[in-house]
């Protein structure tokens, strides 16, 4: 293992994965999973109940770059499959960070139709 891998491993291990939990809620159009640990809220995902399009995925600033967004995506996908709901799908409306995340996750990534935060891949 090189120095960079050791630093990354120590960094991600500092997150309290054991106390991470989530709570599902929904309204007439969306599913939502809120994630929290002993310190409080750490992130959430909101996606459309009909077509799975993600409306928002968010990870709090202190918890970023630890794999949490990927964990949120995977948990939401598993929850949707278990509950016979559409799984989250990348939206055509993405921020710069959302585009980077979509590229990391892969799958079908629709062409951007909206310029969020002044950025577009067009």
C-alpha atoms as a PDB file:
ATOM      1  CA  UNK A   1       0.000   0.000   0.000  1.00  0.00           C
ATOM      2  CA  UNK A   2       1.442   3.401  -0.934  1.00  0.00           C
ATOM      3  CA  UNK A   3       1.339   6.572   1.196  1.00  0.00           C
ATOM      4  CA  UNK A   4      -1.659   8.001  -0.669  1.00  0.00           C
ATOM      5  CA  UNK A   5      -3.692   4.815  -0.056  1.00  0.00           C
ATOM      6  CA  UNK A   6      -2.747   4.830   3.634  1.00  0.00           C
ATOM      7  CA  UNK A   7      -3.812   8.471   4.019  1.00  0.00           C
ATOM      8  CA  UNK A   8      -7.118   7.828   2.202  1.00  0.00           C
ATOM      9  CA  UNK A   9      -7.817   4.740   4.331  1.00  0.00           C
ATOM     10  CA  UNK A  10      -7.165   6.642   7.573  1.00  0.00           C
ATOM     11  CA  UNK A  11      -9.346   9.526   6.335  1.00  0.00           C
ATOM     12  CA  UNK A  12     -12.342   7.335   5.471  1.00  0.00           C
ATOM     13  CA  UNK A  13     -11.958   5.255   8.625  1.00  0.00           C
ATOM     14  CA  UNK A  14     -12.355   8.421  10.718  1.00  0.00           C
ATOM     15  CA  UNK A  15     -16.034   8.555   9.697  1.00  0.00           C
ATOM     16  CA  UNK A  16     -18.332   6.822  12.192  1.00  0.00           C
ATOM     17  CA  UNK A  17     -19.871   4.279   9.778  1.00  0.00           C
ATOM     18  CA  UNK A  18     -21.157   2.097  12.628  1.00  0.00           C
ATOM     19  CA  UNK A  19     -23.619   4.705  13.879  1.00  0.00           C
ATOM     20  CA  UNK A  20     -24.867   5.655  10.374  1.00  0.00           C
ATOM     21  CA  UNK A  21     -28.617   5.214  10.017  1.00  0.00           C
ATOM     22  CA  UNK A  22     -31.310   6.426   7.661  1.00  0.00           C
ATOM     23  CA  UNK A  23     -34.972   7.311   7.769  1.00  0.00           C
ATOM     24  CA  UNK A  24     -37.357   7.108   4.804  1.00  0.00           C
ATOM     25  CA  UNK A  25     -40.110   9.632   4.186  1.00  0.00           C
ATOM     26  CA  UNK A  26     -42.234  10.478   1.173  1.00  0.00           C
ATOM     27  CA  UNK A  27     -44.736  12.938  -0.133  1.00  0.00           C
ATOM     28  CA  UNK A  28     -47.090  12.695  -3.099  1.00  0.00           C
ATOM     29  CA  UNK A  29     -44.254  12.859  -5.640  1.00  0.00           C
ATOM     30  CA  UNK A  30     -40.918  11.992  -3.984  1.00  0.00           C
ATOM     31  CA  UNK A  31     -39.073   9.425  -1.889  1.00  0.00           C
ATOM     32  CA  UNK A  32     -36.499  10.726   0.567  1.00  0.00           C
ATOM     33  CA  UNK A  33     -33.818   9.059   2.666  1.00  0.00           C
ATOM     34  CA  UNK A  34     -32.188  11.144   5.411  1.00  0.00           C
ATOM     35  CA  UNK A  35     -28.889   9.844   6.778  1.00  0.00           C
ATOM     36  CA  UNK A  36     -27.566  10.643  10.230  1.00  0.00           C
ATOM     37  CA  UNK A  37     -25.064   9.417  12.793  1.00  0.00           C
ATOM     38  CA  UNK A  38     -24.410  10.214  16.469  1.00  0.00           C
ATOM     39  CA  UNK A  39     -23.416  13.780  15.561  1.00  0.00           C
ATOM     40  CA  UNK A  40     -26.626  14.467  13.603  1.00  0.00           C
ATOM     41  CA  UNK A  41     -27.614  14.783   9.940  1.00  0.00           C
ATOM     42  CA  UNK A  42     -24.910  13.900   7.391  1.00  0.00           C
ATOM     43  CA  UNK A  43     -26.775  13.818   4.063  1.00  0.00           C
ATOM     44  CA  UNK A  44     -29.902  12.948   2.109  1.00  0.00           C
ATOM     45  CA  UNK A  45     -31.307  11.935  -1.264  1.00  0.00           C
ATOM     46  CA  UNK A  46     -34.649  12.888  -2.825  1.00  0.00           C
ATOM     47  CA  UNK A  47     -35.895  11.137  -5.974  1.00  0.00           C
ATOM     48  CA  UNK A  48     -39.122  11.002  -7.978  1.00  0.00           C
ATOM     49  CA  UNK A  49     -41.475   8.153  -7.093  1.00  0.00           C
ATOM     50  CA  UNK A  50     -42.641   7.748 -10.698  1.00  0.00           C
ATOM     51  CA  UNK A  51     -39.474   7.840 -12.812  1.00  0.00           C
ATOM     52  CA  UNK A  52     -36.625   7.733 -10.263  1.00  0.00           C
ATOM     53  CA  UNK A  53     -35.099  11.055 -11.359  1.00  0.00           C
ATOM     54  CA  UNK A  54     -32.974  12.495  -8.576  1.00  0.00           C
ATOM     55  CA  UNK A  55     -34.118  15.888  -7.372  1.00  0.00           C
ATOM     56  CA  UNK A  56     -31.341  16.320  -4.804  1.00  0.00           C
ATOM     57  CA  UNK A  57     -28.485  14.390  -3.277  1.00  0.00           C
ATOM     58  CA  UNK A  58     -26.515  16.156  -0.580  1.00  0.00           C
ATOM     59  CA  UNK A  59     -23.670  15.366   1.810  1.00  0.00           C
ATOM     60  CA  UNK A  60     -22.702  17.826   4.552  1.00  0.00           C
ATOM     61  CA  UNK A  61     -19.379  19.582   4.094  1.00  0.00           C
ATOM     62  CA  UNK A  62     -17.517  17.765   6.924  1.00  0.00           C
ATOM     63  CA  UNK A  63     -18.587  14.374   5.547  1.00  0.00           C
ATOM     64  CA  UNK A  64     -17.603  14.784   1.903  1.00  0.00           C
ATOM     65  CA  UNK A  65     -14.902  12.730   0.149  1.00  0.00           C
ATOM     66  CA  UNK A  66     -15.495   9.734   2.422  1.00  0.00           C
ATOM     67  CA  UNK A  67     -17.676   7.648   0.097  1.00  0.00           C
ATOM     68  CA  UNK A  68     -20.897   8.765   1.747  1.00  0.00           C
ATOM     69  CA  UNK A  69     -22.661   9.969  -1.441  1.00  0.00           C
ATOM     70  CA  UNK A  70     -21.935   6.605  -3.042  1.00  0.00           C
ATOM     71  CA  UNK A  71     -23.285   4.866   0.064  1.00  0.00           C
ATOM     72  CA  UNK A  72     -26.430   7.041  -0.044  1.00  0.00           C
ATOM     73  CA  UNK A  73     -26.950   6.181  -3.744  1.00  0.00           C
ATOM     74  CA  UNK A  74     -26.465   2.454  -3.135  1.00  0.00           C
ATOM     75  CA  UNK A  75     -28.755   2.435  -0.080  1.00  0.00           C
ATOM     76  CA  UNK A  76     -31.480   4.322  -1.968  1.00  0.00           C
ATOM     77  CA  UNK A  77     -31.182   1.861  -4.860  1.00  0.00           C
ATOM     78  CA  UNK A  78     -31.497  -1.108  -2.491  1.00  0.00           C
ATOM     79  CA  UNK A  79     -34.427   0.525  -0.667  1.00  0.00           C
ATOM     80  CA  UNK A  80     -36.230   1.152  -3.981  1.00  0.00           C
ATOM     81  CA  UNK A  81     -35.744  -2.446  -5.149  1.00  0.00           C
ATOM     82  CA  UNK A  82     -36.957  -3.860  -1.826  1.00  0.00           C
ATOM     83  CA  UNK A  83     -40.035  -1.596  -1.892  1.00  0.00           C
ATOM     84  CA  UNK A  84     -40.898  -1.996  -5.596  1.00  0.00           C
ATOM     85  CA  UNK A  85     -40.155   1.639  -6.360  1.00  0.00           C
ATOM     86  CA  UNK A  86     -38.115   3.128  -9.222  1.00  0.00           C
ATOM     87  CA  UNK A  87     -34.432   3.295  -8.294  1.00  0.00           C
ATOM     88  CA  UNK A  88     -32.681   6.671  -8.357  1.00  0.00           C
ATOM     89  CA  UNK A  89     -31.600   7.829 -11.827  1.00  0.00           C
ATOM     90  CA  UNK A  90     -29.273  10.653 -12.762  1.00  0.00           C
ATOM     91  CA  UNK A  91     -31.082  13.871 -13.642  1.00  0.00           C
ATOM     92  CA  UNK A  92     -30.531  16.053 -16.690  1.00  0.00           C
ATOM     93  CA  UNK A  93     -30.241  18.934 -14.188  1.00  0.00           C
ATOM     94  CA  UNK A  94     -26.909  18.648 -12.392  1.00  0.00           C
ATOM     95  CA  UNK A  95     -24.439  20.935 -10.673  1.00  0.00           C
ATOM     96  CA  UNK A  96     -20.722  20.624 -11.356  1.00  0.00           C
ATOM     97  CA  UNK A  97     -20.451  18.353  -8.296  1.00  0.00           C
ATOM     98  CA  UNK A  98     -23.484  16.405  -9.512  1.00  0.00           C
ATOM     99  CA  UNK A  99     -21.807  15.842 -12.871  1.00  0.00           C
ATOM    100  CA  UNK A 100     -18.643  14.578 -11.170  1.00  0.00           C
ATOM    101  CA  UNK A 101     -20.752  12.254  -9.018  1.00  0.00           C
ATOM    102  CA  UNK A 102     -22.708  10.954 -12.040  1.00  0.00           C
ATOM    103  CA  UNK A 103     -19.445  10.179 -13.838  1.00  0.00           C
ATOM    104  CA  UNK A 104     -18.198   8.340 -10.721  1.00  0.00           C
ATOM    105  CA  UNK A 105     -21.381   6.256 -10.306  1.00  0.00           C
ATOM    106  CA  UNK A 106     -21.838   5.582 -14.017  1.00  0.00           C
ATOM    107  CA  UNK A 107     -24.930   4.110 -15.611  1.00  0.00           C
ATOM    108  CA  UNK A 108     -27.201   6.135 -17.869  1.00  0.00           C
ATOM    109  CA  UNK A 109     -26.204   9.805 -17.597  1.00  0.00           C
ATOM    110  CA  UNK A 110     -28.621  12.027 -19.535  1.00  0.00           C
ATOM    111  CA  UNK A 111     -27.378  15.062 -21.410  1.00  0.00           C
ATOM    112  CA  UNK A 112     -27.564  18.224 -19.314  1.00  0.00           C
ATOM    113  CA  UNK A 113     -30.618  20.331 -20.106  1.00  0.00           C
ATOM    114  CA  UNK A 114     -30.290  22.913 -17.334  1.00  0.00           C
ATOM    115  CA  UNK A 115     -27.267  24.973 -16.376  1.00  0.00           C
ATOM    116  CA  UNK A 116     -27.101  24.774 -12.578  1.00  0.00           C
ATOM    117  CA  UNK A 117     -24.700  27.007 -10.641  1.00  0.00           C
ATOM    118  CA  UNK A 118     -23.479  28.583 -13.892  1.00  0.00           C
ATOM    119  CA  UNK A 119     -21.950  25.369 -15.232  1.00  0.00           C
ATOM    120  CA  UNK A 120     -22.817  23.094 -18.132  1.00  0.00           C
ATOM    121  CA  UNK A 121     -21.003  20.338 -19.991  1.00  0.00           C
ATOM    122  CA  UNK A 122     -22.370  21.572 -23.322  1.00  0.00           C
END
